[in-house]
Protein backbone atom coordinates (compact mmCIF):
# COMPACT_ATOMS: atom_id res chain seq x y z
CA MET A 1 0.00 0.00 0.00
CA LYS A 2 1.24 3.46 -0.92
CA VAL A 3 0.53 6.21 1.62
CA TYR A 4 0.36 9.88 0.61
CA ASN A 5 0.45 12.69 3.15
CA SER A 6 -1.58 15.03 0.94
CA LEU A 7 -3.42 15.14 -2.36
CA ASP A 8 -0.43 17.00 -3.82
CA GLU A 9 1.68 13.84 -3.53
CA PHE A 10 -0.85 11.72 -5.43
CA GLU A 11 -0.80 11.23 -9.20
CA LYS A 12 -3.82 9.95 -11.10
CA VAL A 13 -4.01 6.24 -11.82
CA ALA A 14 -5.90 4.48 -14.58
CA ASN A 15 -9.37 3.30 -13.54
CA GLY A 16 -9.20 4.60 -9.99
CA VAL A 17 -11.90 3.09 -7.78
CA ILE A 18 -12.25 5.54 -4.91
CA THR A 19 -13.94 5.90 -1.57
CA ILE A 20 -13.85 8.81 0.87
CA GLY A 21 -14.53 9.15 4.57
CA THR A 22 -13.23 9.35 8.12
CA PHE A 23 -13.33 5.57 8.67
CA ASP A 24 -12.93 5.77 12.44
CA GLY A 25 -12.29 2.22 13.62
CA VAL A 26 -12.38 0.78 10.07
CA HIS A 27 -15.29 -1.31 11.32
CA ILE A 28 -17.27 -4.09 9.65
CA GLY A 29 -19.39 -1.61 7.67
CA HIS A 30 -16.26 0.13 6.38
CA GLN A 31 -14.84 -3.28 5.51
CA ARG A 32 -17.87 -3.94 3.30
CA ILE A 33 -17.05 -0.75 1.40
CA ILE A 34 -13.41 -1.84 1.08
CA SER A 35 -14.51 -5.27 -0.17
CA SER A 36 -16.70 -3.68 -2.85
CA LEU A 37 -13.86 -1.32 -3.74
CA LYS A 38 -11.50 -4.25 -4.32
CA GLN A 39 -14.06 -6.25 -6.28
CA LEU A 40 -14.84 -3.33 -8.60
CA ALA A 41 -11.15 -2.59 -9.09
CA ALA A 42 -10.57 -6.20 -10.11
CA GLU A 43 -13.48 -6.08 -12.58
CA LYS A 44 -12.30 -2.81 -14.11
CA ASN A 45 -8.58 -3.64 -14.01
CA GLY A 46 -8.18 -0.60 -11.77
CA GLU A 47 -6.65 0.35 -8.42
CA THR A 48 -8.26 0.99 -5.04
CA ILE A 49 -7.89 4.44 -3.51
CA VAL A 50 -9.04 5.69 -0.11
CA LEU A 51 -9.14 9.41 0.68
CA THR A 52 -9.35 10.25 4.36
CA LEU A 53 -8.78 13.47 6.24
CA PHE A 54 -6.62 14.21 9.26
CA PRO A 55 -6.98 15.83 11.73
CA HIS A 56 -10.62 14.90 12.29
CA PRO A 57 -12.77 17.86 11.17
CA ARG A 58 -14.04 18.48 14.72
CA MET A 59 -10.45 18.93 15.95
CA VAL A 60 -10.03 21.83 13.53
CA LEU A 61 -13.49 23.38 13.56
CA PHE A 62 -14.05 22.99 17.32
CA PRO A 63 -10.56 22.97 18.89
CA ASP A 64 -11.92 23.49 22.42
CA ASP A 65 -14.18 20.44 22.19
CA ASN A 66 -12.61 17.97 24.60
CA ASP A 67 -15.46 15.47 24.24
CA LEU A 68 -14.25 14.09 20.93
CA LYS A 69 -12.85 10.58 21.36
CA LEU A 70 -11.88 8.36 18.45
CA ILE A 71 -11.76 4.59 18.15
CA SER A 72 -8.56 4.62 16.12
CA THR A 73 -5.59 6.93 15.80
CA ILE A 74 -4.43 7.83 12.31
CA GLU A 75 -1.55 5.35 12.69
CA GLU A 76 -3.99 2.58 13.60
CA ARG A 77 -6.20 3.45 10.64
CA ILE A 78 -3.25 3.31 8.25
CA ALA A 79 -2.30 -0.13 9.59
CA LEU A 80 -5.87 -1.38 9.16
CA PHE A 81 -6.15 -0.13 5.58
CA GLU A 82 -2.91 -1.94 4.79
CA LYS A 83 -4.24 -5.09 6.47
CA TYR A 84 -7.39 -4.97 4.30
CA GLY A 85 -5.42 -4.61 1.08
CA ILE A 86 -5.90 -1.05 -0.19
CA ASP A 87 -3.58 0.04 -3.04
CA HIS A 88 -3.43 3.77 -2.30
CA LEU A 89 -4.23 5.69 0.90
CA ILE A 90 -4.31 9.48 0.81
CA VAL A 91 -4.28 11.15 4.25
CA HIS A 92 -5.03 14.75 3.36
CA PRO A 93 -4.69 17.54 5.96
CA PHE A 94 -8.07 18.93 7.00
CA THR A 95 -8.02 22.72 7.37
CA LYS A 96 -10.62 25.44 7.75
CA GLU A 97 -9.92 26.46 4.15
CA PHE A 98 -10.57 22.89 2.98
CA SER A 99 -13.85 22.86 4.94
CA ARG A 100 -15.16 25.85 2.99
CA GLN A 101 -15.40 23.92 -0.29
CA THR A 102 -18.90 23.29 -1.48
CA ALA A 103 -19.87 19.72 -2.24
CA THR A 104 -19.81 20.45 -5.97
CA GLU A 105 -16.36 22.04 -5.75
CA PHE A 106 -15.08 19.01 -3.85
CA VAL A 107 -16.34 16.61 -6.51
CA ARG A 108 -15.12 18.71 -9.44
CA ASP A 109 -11.75 19.88 -8.09
CA ILE A 110 -10.71 16.98 -5.89
CA LEU A 111 -12.43 13.79 -7.03
CA VAL A 112 -12.50 14.49 -10.77
CA ASN A 113 -9.69 16.89 -11.66
CA LYS A 114 -7.16 15.94 -9.00
CA MET A 115 -7.84 12.24 -8.47
CA GLY A 116 -9.31 11.23 -11.83
CA THR A 117 -12.16 9.27 -10.26
CA LYS A 118 -13.67 6.63 -12.56
CA THR A 119 -15.74 4.86 -9.90
CA LEU A 120 -16.82 6.27 -6.54
CA VAL A 121 -18.00 3.94 -3.77
CA ILE A 122 -19.73 5.43 -0.71
CA GLY A 123 -21.63 4.26 2.35
CA TYR A 124 -25.38 4.68 2.60
CA ASP A 125 -25.24 7.70 4.94
CA HIS A 126 -22.25 9.56 3.51
CA ARG A 127 -22.37 13.36 3.61
CA PHE A 128 -19.61 15.69 2.45
CA GLY A 129 -18.68 19.25 1.55
CA ARG A 130 -19.36 22.52 3.33
CA HIS A 131 -21.98 22.09 6.07
CA ARG A 132 -22.23 18.43 4.97
CA GLU A 133 -24.45 19.55 2.13
CA GLY A 134 -23.34 16.80 -0.25
CA THR A 135 -25.83 13.94 -0.58
CA PHE A 136 -26.16 10.77 -2.66
CA GLU A 137 -28.70 12.56 -4.85
CA LEU A 138 -26.19 15.31 -5.61
CA LEU A 139 -23.51 12.73 -6.37
CA GLU A 140 -25.90 11.05 -8.82
CA GLU A 141 -26.28 14.35 -10.69
CA LEU A 142 -22.54 15.05 -10.67
CA SER A 143 -21.59 11.53 -11.71
CA SER A 144 -23.54 12.03 -14.93
CA LEU A 145 -22.02 15.47 -15.46
CA TYR A 146 -18.42 14.36 -14.83
CA ASN A 147 -18.72 10.83 -16.21
CA PHE A 148 -17.90 8.56 -13.29
CA ASP A 149 -19.72 5.53 -11.94
CA LEU A 150 -21.38 5.78 -8.52
CA VAL A 151 -21.93 2.84 -6.18
CA GLU A 152 -23.75 3.13 -2.85
CA ILE A 153 -23.27 0.45 -0.19
CA PRO A 154 -26.51 -0.27 1.73
CA GLU A 155 -26.78 -0.09 5.50
CA GLN A 156 -24.96 -2.95 7.17
CA ASP A 157 -26.50 -4.94 10.01
CA VAL A 158 -24.93 -7.25 12.58
CA ASN A 159 -27.52 -9.26 14.48
CA ASN A 160 -30.13 -6.76 13.20
CA ILE A 161 -28.28 -3.80 14.76
CA ALA A 162 -26.95 -1.15 12.38
CA VAL A 163 -23.18 -0.81 12.72
CA SER A 164 -21.70 2.66 13.10
CA SER A 165 -18.64 4.22 14.68
CA THR A 166 -20.97 5.91 17.17
CA LYS A 167 -22.42 2.60 18.34
CA ILE A 168 -18.91 1.16 18.71
CA ARG A 169 -17.77 4.17 20.75
CA THR A 170 -20.82 3.72 22.99
CA ALA A 171 -20.00 0.04 23.52
CA ILE A 172 -16.42 0.91 24.47
CA PHE A 173 -17.58 3.72 26.77
CA ASP A 174 -19.80 1.12 28.47
CA GLY A 175 -16.94 -1.35 28.79
CA ASP A 176 -18.65 -3.82 26.45
CA ILE A 177 -15.50 -4.84 24.63
CA THR A 178 -17.03 -8.05 23.26
CA ILE A 179 -19.72 -6.13 21.36
CA ALA A 180 -17.25 -3.47 20.20
CA ASN A 181 -14.91 -6.12 18.81
CA GLU A 182 -17.83 -7.85 17.08
CA PHE A 183 -18.81 -4.62 15.35
CA LEU A 184 -15.20 -3.80 14.48
CA ALA A 185 -14.47 -7.33 13.21
CA HIS A 186 -11.06 -6.87 14.79
CA ASP A 187 -9.92 -6.20 18.35
CA PHE A 188 -10.01 -2.70 19.80
CA GLU A 189 -6.55 -1.64 20.91
CA PHE A 190 -4.49 1.26 22.10
CA SER A 191 -0.79 1.98 22.56
CA GLY A 192 1.11 3.76 25.30
CA LYS A 193 4.61 4.53 26.49
CA VAL A 194 5.72 2.62 29.59
CA ILE A 195 6.49 5.05 32.41
CA HIS A 196 7.43 4.68 36.07
CA GLY A 197 4.58 4.31 38.57
CA ALA A 198 4.41 3.85 42.34
CA HIS A 199 5.62 0.20 42.08
CA VAL A 200 2.83 -0.96 44.41
CA GLY A 201 1.93 -3.84 42.11
CA LYS A 202 5.48 -5.18 42.27
CA SER A 203 5.30 -5.23 46.09
CA ILE A 204 2.34 -7.65 46.00
CA GLY A 205 3.62 -9.85 43.22
CA TYR A 206 1.86 -8.18 40.31
CA PRO A 207 4.24 -5.69 38.66
CA THR A 208 2.54 -3.48 36.11
CA ALA A 209 3.57 -1.41 33.13
CA ASN A 210 2.08 2.05 33.65
CA LEU A 211 1.04 3.59 30.35
CA GLU A 212 1.08 7.15 29.10
CA ILE A 213 -1.31 7.68 26.18
CA ALA A 214 0.05 10.35 23.85
CA ASP A 215 -3.08 10.94 21.76
CA LYS A 216 -5.59 12.86 23.87
CA TYR A 217 -8.38 12.02 21.40
CA LYS A 218 -7.90 8.26 21.74
CA LEU A 219 -10.92 6.56 23.28
CA ILE A 220 -10.05 4.67 26.48
CA PRO A 221 -12.51 2.21 28.10
CA PRO A 222 -14.01 2.97 31.54
CA GLU A 223 -12.59 1.96 34.90
CA GLY A 224 -12.23 -1.74 35.54
CA ILE A 225 -10.18 -4.87 35.03
CA TYR A 226 -9.85 -6.30 31.52
CA ALA A 227 -8.46 -9.45 29.93
CA VAL A 228 -6.05 -8.33 27.22
CA TYR A 229 -3.17 -9.31 25.05
CA VAL A 230 -0.07 -7.13 25.07
CA ARG A 231 2.23 -6.64 22.10
CA VAL A 232 5.83 -5.89 23.03
CA ASP A 233 7.95 -5.41 19.92
CA LEU A 234 6.85 -8.35 17.75
CA GLU A 235 5.78 -10.66 20.60
CA LYS A 236 2.32 -11.12 22.12
CA PHE A 237 1.63 -11.90 25.79
CA LYS A 238 -1.44 -12.40 27.97
CA GLY A 239 -2.20 -9.61 30.41
CA MET A 240 -4.53 -8.01 32.96
CA LEU A 241 -5.31 -4.36 32.32
CA TYR A 242 -6.34 -1.98 35.10
CA ILE A 243 -7.97 1.39 34.45
CA GLY A 244 -8.98 3.48 37.45
CA ASN A 245 -8.05 5.83 40.26
CA ARG A 246 -6.73 3.06 42.54
CA PRO A 247 -9.31 3.63 45.32
CA THR A 248 -7.68 1.05 47.64
CA LEU A 249 -4.60 3.31 47.68
CA ASN A 250 -6.71 6.50 47.96
CA GLY A 251 -5.63 7.54 44.49
CA THR A 252 -7.04 10.62 42.83
CA LYS A 253 -5.62 10.37 39.31
CA GLN A 254 -6.55 7.85 36.65
CA SER A 255 -4.00 5.14 36.12
CA ILE A 256 -3.72 2.84 33.09
CA GLU A 257 -1.49 -0.12 33.88
CA VAL A 258 -1.12 -3.67 32.67
CA ASN A 259 0.26 -6.76 34.36
CA ILE A 260 1.88 -8.86 31.64
CA LEU A 261 1.65 -12.52 32.55
CA ASP A 262 4.83 -14.63 32.54
CA PHE A 263 6.93 -11.61 31.67
CA ASN A 264 10.04 -10.18 33.33
CA ARG A 265 11.78 -7.55 31.21
CA ASP A 266 12.72 -3.91 31.58
CA ILE A 267 10.49 -2.10 29.08
CA TYR A 268 10.52 1.43 30.53
CA GLY A 269 10.39 3.95 27.71
CA LYS A 270 9.03 1.43 25.20
CA THR A 271 5.69 1.86 23.46
CA ILE A 272 3.54 -1.23 23.83
CA THR A 273 0.09 -2.09 22.50
CA VAL A 274 -2.85 -3.37 24.57
CA VAL A 275 -5.32 -5.54 22.64
CA MET A 276 -8.69 -5.57 24.42
CA LYS A 277 -10.63 -8.84 24.72
CA GLN A 278 -13.09 -8.77 27.64
CA LYS A 279 -14.02 -6.86 30.77
CA ILE A 280 -13.54 -8.90 33.95
CA ARG A 281 -15.06 -6.61 36.59
CA ASN A 282 -15.58 -3.03 37.72
CA ASP A 283 -13.03 -1.24 39.88
CA MET A 284 -13.60 -1.47 43.64
CA LYS A 285 -12.18 -0.15 46.89
CA LEU A 286 -10.67 -2.84 49.13
CA ASN A 287 -9.60 -2.56 52.74
CA SER A 288 -5.92 -3.47 52.47
CA LEU A 289 -3.11 -4.52 50.15
CA GLU A 290 -3.69 -8.10 51.30
CA GLU A 291 -7.30 -7.95 50.12
CA LEU A 292 -6.15 -6.33 46.89
CA LYS A 293 -3.69 -9.15 46.24
CA SER A 294 -6.37 -11.78 46.94
CA GLN A 295 -8.74 -10.06 44.52
CA ILE A 296 -6.06 -9.85 41.83
CA ASP A 297 -5.40 -13.57 42.32
CA LEU A 298 -9.04 -14.15 41.42
CA ASP A 299 -8.85 -11.67 38.54
CA LYS A 300 -5.89 -13.59 37.10
CA ILE A 301 -7.90 -16.81 37.10
CA GLU A 302 -10.79 -15.08 35.30
CA THR A 303 -8.41 -13.41 32.86
CA ILE A 304 -6.73 -16.67 31.87
CA LYS A 305 -10.17 -18.26 31.48
CA ALA A 306 -11.40 -15.39 29.29
CA LEU A 307 -8.31 -15.44 27.10
CA SER A 308 -8.48 -19.21 26.70
CA MET A 309 -11.93 -18.75 25.14
CA ALA A 310 -10.94 -15.73 23.04
CA TYR A 311 -10.56 -16.21 19.35
């Protein structure tokens, strides 16, 4: 997969089959679009092209909005597009100037003149252009005017529930990792730099890697204990993730830390990835470190059981 950091780096290809969007999470509905993109490209002897924008429009248009949380960072999205076999990925900078384009200008100047679109594939609810004024009906008119094929992907259902990035965010906010992963069709994950903590876990036999999350827009699940896998360099290990304020220790600041099972290495300063599988329990305040250790003993049993059943 070729990655372009702006439209200026991209040169037209013959029979470009294109889709556009934010693609937060690259979930199962997005994957249906990608599948159609690849099938059409094979039929037309063309190449698949995805145009996405970064930063997210809300980051630019509403910079003081701290409520925005995203399922995937741009790095995670790039990795997912490569995994699903896209030929060309254009990550174009979103600016206020870019946002002022009308829908017609976007189609004419970007999709047609700049990208040479021959086939455009979009999801059923796609809106674009200034004030999101662009609709499927407008695209139908413009496809005739500018001579490109238009394909709309119908609404996707999983167990009769429409899949959307919003529903996946809600599931993660609720700690329902199983549902989120089902909708994503891959495991939700996040990465963080290992930093020094209070070393309390080590004193009770459960040393943890305390994580610092660099991307403030990255969605993090709610407080609790989770069964996870942990990627360190190219290796994968089982782990127990804790998210919370450590009430047993009278903590006041959220901590994100993971106990990596059967692991004894110095990884301070490394960036590791936590792959979420299942929530084990909510956070709770215990009366002593001894009680905390006993509870973690039980959590470890449940974690190993959950991971043994994970696919």
